[in-house]
N, C-alpha and C. Protein backbone atom coordinates (compact mmCIF):
# COMPACT_ATOMS: atom_id res chain seq x y z
N MET A 1 20.37 144.94 28.84
CA MET A 1 19.14 144.25 28.55
C MET A 1 18.98 143.07 29.53
N LYS A 2 17.78 142.87 30.02
CA LYS A 2 17.52 141.79 30.98
C LYS A 2 17.46 140.44 30.28
N GLU A 3 17.90 139.44 31.03
CA GLU A 3 17.74 138.07 30.51
C GLU A 3 16.29 137.66 30.64
N PRO A 4 15.80 136.86 29.69
CA PRO A 4 14.42 136.40 29.82
C PRO A 4 14.27 135.50 31.06
N GLU A 5 13.21 135.74 31.81
CA GLU A 5 12.97 134.95 33.03
C GLU A 5 12.47 133.57 32.64
N SER A 6 13.02 132.58 33.31
CA SER A 6 12.57 131.23 33.02
C SER A 6 11.38 130.92 33.91
N VAL A 7 10.50 130.10 33.41
CA VAL A 7 9.30 129.72 34.12
C VAL A 7 9.65 128.62 35.09
N THR A 8 9.31 128.83 36.37
CA THR A 8 9.67 127.83 37.38
C THR A 8 8.66 126.68 37.36
N THR A 9 9.04 125.65 38.04
CA THR A 9 8.17 124.48 38.12
C THR A 9 6.82 124.80 38.78
N SER A 10 6.87 125.59 39.82
CA SER A 10 5.62 125.94 40.49
C SER A 10 4.71 126.78 39.59
N GLU A 11 5.30 127.65 38.78
CA GLU A 11 4.50 128.43 37.83
C GLU A 11 3.87 127.52 36.79
N ARG A 12 4.67 126.59 36.30
CA ARG A 12 4.14 125.62 35.32
C ARG A 12 3.01 124.80 35.90
N ALA A 13 3.17 124.37 37.15
CA ALA A 13 2.13 123.58 37.81
C ALA A 13 0.87 124.42 38.00
N GLY A 14 1.03 125.69 38.36
CA GLY A 14 -0.14 126.59 38.52
C GLY A 14 -0.83 126.83 37.21
N GLN A 15 -0.06 126.98 36.13
CA GLN A 15 -0.68 127.14 34.81
C GLN A 15 -1.45 125.91 34.41
N TRP A 16 -0.89 124.75 34.66
CA TRP A 16 -1.55 123.47 34.33
C TRP A 16 -2.83 123.33 35.13
N LEU A 17 -2.79 123.65 36.44
CA LEU A 17 -4.00 123.57 37.27
C LEU A 17 -5.05 124.56 36.79
N GLY A 18 -4.62 125.74 36.36
CA GLY A 18 -5.55 126.72 35.82
C GLY A 18 -6.25 126.22 34.56
N ARG A 19 -5.47 125.59 33.67
CA ARG A 19 -6.09 125.04 32.44
C ARG A 19 -7.07 123.94 32.77
N VAL A 20 -6.69 123.08 33.72
CA VAL A 20 -7.60 121.98 34.12
C VAL A 20 -8.86 122.56 34.71
N TRP A 21 -8.73 123.54 35.60
CA TRP A 21 -9.91 124.15 36.23
C TRP A 21 -10.80 124.81 35.18
N HIS A 22 -10.20 125.47 34.18
CA HIS A 22 -10.96 126.10 33.12
C HIS A 22 -11.74 125.07 32.33
N LYS A 23 -11.08 123.96 31.99
CA LYS A 23 -11.77 122.88 31.24
C LYS A 23 -12.93 122.31 32.03
N VAL A 24 -12.73 122.09 33.33
CA VAL A 24 -13.78 121.53 34.17
C VAL A 24 -14.96 122.51 34.23
N ALA A 25 -14.65 123.82 34.42
CA ALA A 25 -15.70 124.83 34.48
C ALA A 25 -16.49 124.88 33.16
N CYS A 26 -15.77 124.79 32.02
CA CYS A 26 -16.46 124.81 30.73
C CYS A 26 -17.36 123.59 30.57
N ARG A 27 -16.88 122.43 30.97
CA ARG A 27 -17.69 121.21 30.89
C ARG A 27 -18.92 121.32 31.80
N GLU A 28 -18.71 121.90 32.96
CA GLU A 28 -19.83 122.06 33.90
C GLU A 28 -20.88 123.00 33.29
N ARG A 29 -20.44 124.08 32.71
CA ARG A 29 -21.37 125.02 32.03
C ARG A 29 -22.11 124.33 30.90
N ARG A 30 -21.39 123.56 30.12
CA ARG A 30 -22.05 122.82 29.01
C ARG A 30 -23.07 121.82 29.54
N ALA A 31 -22.73 121.15 30.65
CA ALA A 31 -23.69 120.20 31.23
C ALA A 31 -24.91 120.90 31.79
N ILE A 32 -24.73 122.08 32.38
CA ILE A 32 -25.88 122.84 32.87
C ILE A 32 -26.76 123.29 31.72
N HIS A 33 -26.15 123.72 30.64
CA HIS A 33 -26.93 124.12 29.45
C HIS A 33 -27.65 122.92 28.84
N TRP A 34 -27.02 121.77 28.85
CA TRP A 34 -27.64 120.54 28.31
C TRP A 34 -28.84 120.18 29.17
N LEU A 35 -28.67 120.26 30.52
CA LEU A 35 -29.78 119.96 31.42
C LEU A 35 -30.91 120.97 31.20
N ALA A 36 -30.55 122.23 30.99
CA ALA A 36 -31.58 123.27 30.73
C ALA A 36 -32.32 122.98 29.43
N ALA A 37 -31.63 122.48 28.42
CA ALA A 37 -32.29 122.13 27.16
C ALA A 37 -33.24 120.95 27.35
N LYS A 38 -32.96 120.09 28.35
CA LYS A 38 -33.83 118.96 28.61
C LYS A 38 -35.01 119.37 29.49
N GLY A 39 -35.06 120.61 29.94
CA GLY A 39 -36.21 121.10 30.70
C GLY A 39 -35.92 121.38 32.17
N LEU A 40 -34.70 121.21 32.63
CA LEU A 40 -34.36 121.51 34.03
C LEU A 40 -33.97 122.96 34.12
N PRO A 41 -34.49 123.69 35.10
CA PRO A 41 -34.12 125.11 35.25
C PRO A 41 -32.60 125.24 35.51
N PRO A 42 -31.97 126.28 34.97
CA PRO A 42 -30.51 126.44 35.15
C PRO A 42 -30.07 126.53 36.61
N ARG A 43 -30.89 127.18 37.46
CA ARG A 43 -30.55 127.27 38.88
C ARG A 43 -30.50 125.88 39.52
N VAL A 44 -31.42 125.02 39.15
CA VAL A 44 -31.44 123.66 39.70
C VAL A 44 -30.18 122.90 39.22
N GLY A 45 -29.81 123.10 37.98
CA GLY A 45 -28.59 122.46 37.46
C GLY A 45 -27.35 122.96 38.20
N GLN A 46 -27.28 124.25 38.48
CA GLN A 46 -26.15 124.80 39.23
C GLN A 46 -26.15 124.23 40.65
N LEU A 47 -27.32 124.16 41.27
CA LEU A 47 -27.42 123.61 42.61
C LEU A 47 -27.01 122.13 42.62
N LEU A 48 -27.39 121.41 41.58
CA LEU A 48 -27.03 120.00 41.47
C LEU A 48 -25.51 119.83 41.40
N PHE A 49 -24.85 120.61 40.58
CA PHE A 49 -23.40 120.50 40.44
C PHE A 49 -22.69 121.00 41.70
N PHE A 50 -23.24 122.03 42.34
CA PHE A 50 -22.66 122.52 43.60
C PHE A 50 -22.76 121.43 44.67
N SER A 51 -23.90 120.75 44.74
CA SER A 51 -24.07 119.70 45.75
C SER A 51 -23.12 118.52 45.47
N VAL A 52 -22.90 118.21 44.21
CA VAL A 52 -21.94 117.14 43.88
C VAL A 52 -20.54 117.54 44.33
N LYS A 53 -20.17 118.80 44.11
CA LYS A 53 -18.84 119.28 44.57
C LYS A 53 -18.71 119.20 46.10
N VAL A 54 -19.78 119.60 46.78
CA VAL A 54 -19.75 119.54 48.26
C VAL A 54 -19.63 118.10 48.75
N ILE A 55 -20.36 117.19 48.11
CA ILE A 55 -20.30 115.77 48.51
C ILE A 55 -18.90 115.21 48.27
N VAL A 56 -18.33 115.52 47.10
CA VAL A 56 -16.98 115.04 46.80
C VAL A 56 -15.96 115.60 47.80
N PHE A 57 -16.10 116.88 48.10
CA PHE A 57 -15.20 117.52 49.06
C PHE A 57 -15.35 116.86 50.45
N ALA A 58 -16.58 116.57 50.86
CA ALA A 58 -16.82 115.94 52.17
C ALA A 58 -16.21 114.55 52.21
N VAL A 59 -16.35 113.80 51.13
CA VAL A 59 -15.78 112.45 51.09
C VAL A 59 -14.25 112.51 51.15
N LEU A 60 -13.66 113.48 50.42
CA LEU A 60 -12.20 113.63 50.48
C LEU A 60 -11.74 114.02 51.89
N LEU A 61 -12.45 114.95 52.51
CA LEU A 61 -12.11 115.36 53.88
C LEU A 61 -12.21 114.20 54.85
N TYR A 62 -13.28 113.39 54.72
CA TYR A 62 -13.46 112.24 55.57
C TYR A 62 -12.32 111.24 55.39
N SER A 63 -11.92 111.01 54.14
CA SER A 63 -10.83 110.10 53.84
C SER A 63 -9.51 110.60 54.44
N VAL A 64 -9.25 111.89 54.24
CA VAL A 64 -8.03 112.46 54.79
C VAL A 64 -8.00 112.41 56.30
N LEU A 65 -9.16 112.58 56.92
CA LEU A 65 -9.23 112.47 58.39
C LEU A 65 -8.78 111.09 58.87
N TRP A 66 -9.28 110.04 58.22
CA TRP A 66 -8.92 108.70 58.66
C TRP A 66 -7.45 108.39 58.33
N ILE A 67 -6.98 108.89 57.21
CA ILE A 67 -5.56 108.68 56.87
C ILE A 67 -4.68 109.40 57.90
N ALA A 68 -5.06 110.61 58.29
CA ALA A 68 -4.30 111.36 59.29
C ALA A 68 -4.34 110.64 60.64
N LEU A 69 -5.49 110.14 61.01
CA LEU A 69 -5.60 109.41 62.30
C LEU A 69 -4.72 108.14 62.25
N LEU A 70 -4.74 107.46 61.13
CA LEU A 70 -3.91 106.26 60.97
C LEU A 70 -2.43 106.63 61.08
N LEU A 71 -2.02 107.70 60.44
CA LEU A 71 -0.63 108.15 60.50
C LEU A 71 -0.25 108.52 61.95
N VAL A 72 -1.13 109.24 62.66
CA VAL A 72 -0.84 109.61 64.03
C VAL A 72 -0.71 108.35 64.90
N PHE A 73 -1.59 107.37 64.68
CA PHE A 73 -1.51 106.12 65.45
C PHE A 73 -0.22 105.38 65.15
N MET A 74 0.20 105.35 63.89
CA MET A 74 1.44 104.63 63.55
C MET A 74 2.65 105.35 64.15
N VAL A 75 2.70 106.66 64.08
CA VAL A 75 3.82 107.40 64.66
C VAL A 75 3.85 107.23 66.17
N GLY A 76 2.67 107.29 66.80
CA GLY A 76 2.60 107.08 68.26
C GLY A 76 3.02 105.70 68.65
N SER A 77 2.62 104.69 67.88
CA SER A 77 3.02 103.32 68.17
C SER A 77 4.52 103.12 68.04
N ALA A 78 5.08 103.70 66.98
CA ALA A 78 6.53 103.58 66.76
C ALA A 78 7.29 104.28 67.88
N TRP A 79 6.82 105.46 68.30
CA TRP A 79 7.50 106.19 69.38
C TRP A 79 7.41 105.40 70.68
N THR A 80 6.24 104.82 70.95
CA THR A 80 6.08 104.03 72.18
C THR A 80 6.96 102.79 72.15
N ALA A 81 7.02 102.12 71.02
CA ALA A 81 7.85 100.91 70.91
C ALA A 81 9.33 101.26 71.06
N ARG A 82 9.73 102.41 70.53
CA ARG A 82 11.13 102.80 70.64
C ARG A 82 11.50 103.14 72.08
N ASN A 83 10.62 103.84 72.78
CA ASN A 83 10.90 104.24 74.15
C ASN A 83 10.64 103.16 75.19
N LEU A 84 9.89 102.12 74.82
CA LEU A 84 9.56 101.06 75.77
C LEU A 84 10.80 100.27 76.16
N ASP A 85 11.68 99.97 75.21
CA ASP A 85 12.85 99.16 75.48
C ASP A 85 13.90 99.91 76.30
N GLN A 86 13.91 101.18 76.27
CA GLN A 86 14.92 101.95 76.98
C GLN A 86 14.70 101.95 78.48
N ASP A 87 13.45 101.77 78.91
CA ASP A 87 13.16 101.82 80.34
C ASP A 87 13.55 100.54 81.07
N GLN A 88 13.64 99.42 80.37
CA GLN A 88 13.96 98.15 81.02
C GLN A 88 15.45 97.89 80.93
N ALA A 89 16.01 97.37 82.03
CA ALA A 89 17.43 97.04 82.06
C ALA A 89 17.68 95.80 81.19
N GLN A 90 18.73 95.85 80.41
CA GLN A 90 19.03 94.77 79.48
C GLN A 90 20.15 93.89 80.04
N PRO A 91 20.10 92.57 79.73
CA PRO A 91 21.22 91.71 80.17
C PRO A 91 22.52 92.14 79.45
N GLU A 92 23.64 91.91 80.08
CA GLU A 92 24.90 92.32 79.50
C GLU A 92 25.97 91.26 79.71
N TRP A 93 26.94 91.21 78.78
CA TRP A 93 28.07 90.32 78.87
C TRP A 93 29.10 90.95 79.82
N ARG A 94 29.47 90.21 80.89
CA ARG A 94 30.47 90.72 81.82
C ARG A 94 31.11 89.58 82.58
N ASP A 95 32.12 89.92 83.33
CA ASP A 95 32.82 88.95 84.16
C ASP A 95 32.22 89.06 85.57
N GLY A 96 31.44 88.06 85.97
CA GLY A 96 30.75 88.11 87.26
C GLY A 96 31.28 87.06 88.21
N MET A 97 30.49 86.75 89.24
CA MET A 97 30.90 85.81 90.28
C MET A 97 31.05 84.39 89.72
N LEU A 98 30.30 84.06 88.68
CA LEU A 98 30.39 82.71 88.09
C LEU A 98 31.23 82.73 86.82
N GLY A 99 32.06 83.71 86.64
CA GLY A 99 32.90 83.80 85.44
C GLY A 99 32.28 84.70 84.39
N PHE A 100 32.94 84.74 83.21
CA PHE A 100 32.46 85.58 82.15
C PHE A 100 31.18 84.96 81.56
N GLY A 101 30.14 85.78 81.35
CA GLY A 101 28.90 85.29 80.77
C GLY A 101 27.87 86.37 80.64
N LEU A 102 26.68 85.96 80.31
CA LEU A 102 25.56 86.89 80.15
C LEU A 102 24.83 86.96 81.46
N TYR A 103 24.83 88.17 82.06
CA TYR A 103 24.23 88.36 83.38
C TYR A 103 23.02 89.29 83.30
N HIS A 104 22.02 88.94 84.09
CA HIS A 104 20.84 89.77 84.26
C HIS A 104 21.21 90.93 85.17
N PRO A 105 20.52 92.08 85.09
CA PRO A 105 20.87 93.21 85.94
C PRO A 105 20.83 92.91 87.45
N ASP A 106 20.08 91.87 87.87
CA ASP A 106 20.05 91.55 89.30
C ASP A 106 21.25 90.73 89.74
N GLY A 107 22.13 90.36 88.82
CA GLY A 107 23.35 89.63 89.17
C GLY A 107 23.32 88.16 88.86
N SER A 108 22.19 87.61 88.44
CA SER A 108 22.13 86.17 88.14
C SER A 108 22.59 85.93 86.72
N ARG A 109 23.25 84.80 86.53
CA ARG A 109 23.75 84.45 85.22
C ARG A 109 22.66 83.83 84.37
N ILE A 110 22.54 84.25 83.11
CA ILE A 110 21.45 83.79 82.25
C ILE A 110 21.89 82.65 81.33
N ASP A 111 23.07 82.72 80.79
CA ASP A 111 23.50 81.71 79.83
C ASP A 111 23.83 80.42 80.59
N PRO A 112 23.77 79.26 79.87
CA PRO A 112 24.07 77.97 80.52
C PRO A 112 25.53 78.00 81.08
N HIS A 113 25.64 77.53 82.28
CA HIS A 113 26.95 77.57 82.93
C HIS A 113 27.23 76.22 83.58
N ASP A 114 28.37 75.65 83.24
CA ASP A 114 28.78 74.39 83.84
C ASP A 114 30.02 74.71 84.69
N PRO A 115 29.90 74.62 86.05
CA PRO A 115 31.03 74.99 86.90
C PRO A 115 32.29 74.10 86.68
N ASP A 116 32.11 72.88 86.18
CA ASP A 116 33.26 71.98 85.95
C ASP A 116 34.12 72.45 84.78
N GLU A 117 33.57 73.25 83.85
CA GLU A 117 34.32 73.73 82.70
C GLU A 117 35.35 74.77 83.10
N ASP A 118 35.14 75.49 84.19
CA ASP A 118 36.02 76.57 84.59
C ASP A 118 37.38 76.07 85.08
N VAL A 119 37.45 74.82 85.42
CA VAL A 119 38.67 74.25 86.01
C VAL A 119 39.72 74.00 84.98
């Protein structure tokens, strides 16, 4: 005998979305019937709700577009900032002509240096 299959999370989420969609469709049908009772032709009511759906979808798409562009800009800025520092030579601590200290890549010492202290 087979074990009973357990319902996965994705199946549960799909069932929930189906119930929500069914409730929304029922409410939409009730609203169209209510508008028809008030004297509006049913086709006009359907067209009204369809146009509302299209407008909401367009606003969501527009918002997602700007969020995606912002995300692309942030990722590009972070990548540029990360790679910008690698191209320039960095000062390093080493033992140079003026003793141990912080030297620029061209050989000049950057940190304060007093030649009398070396004696």
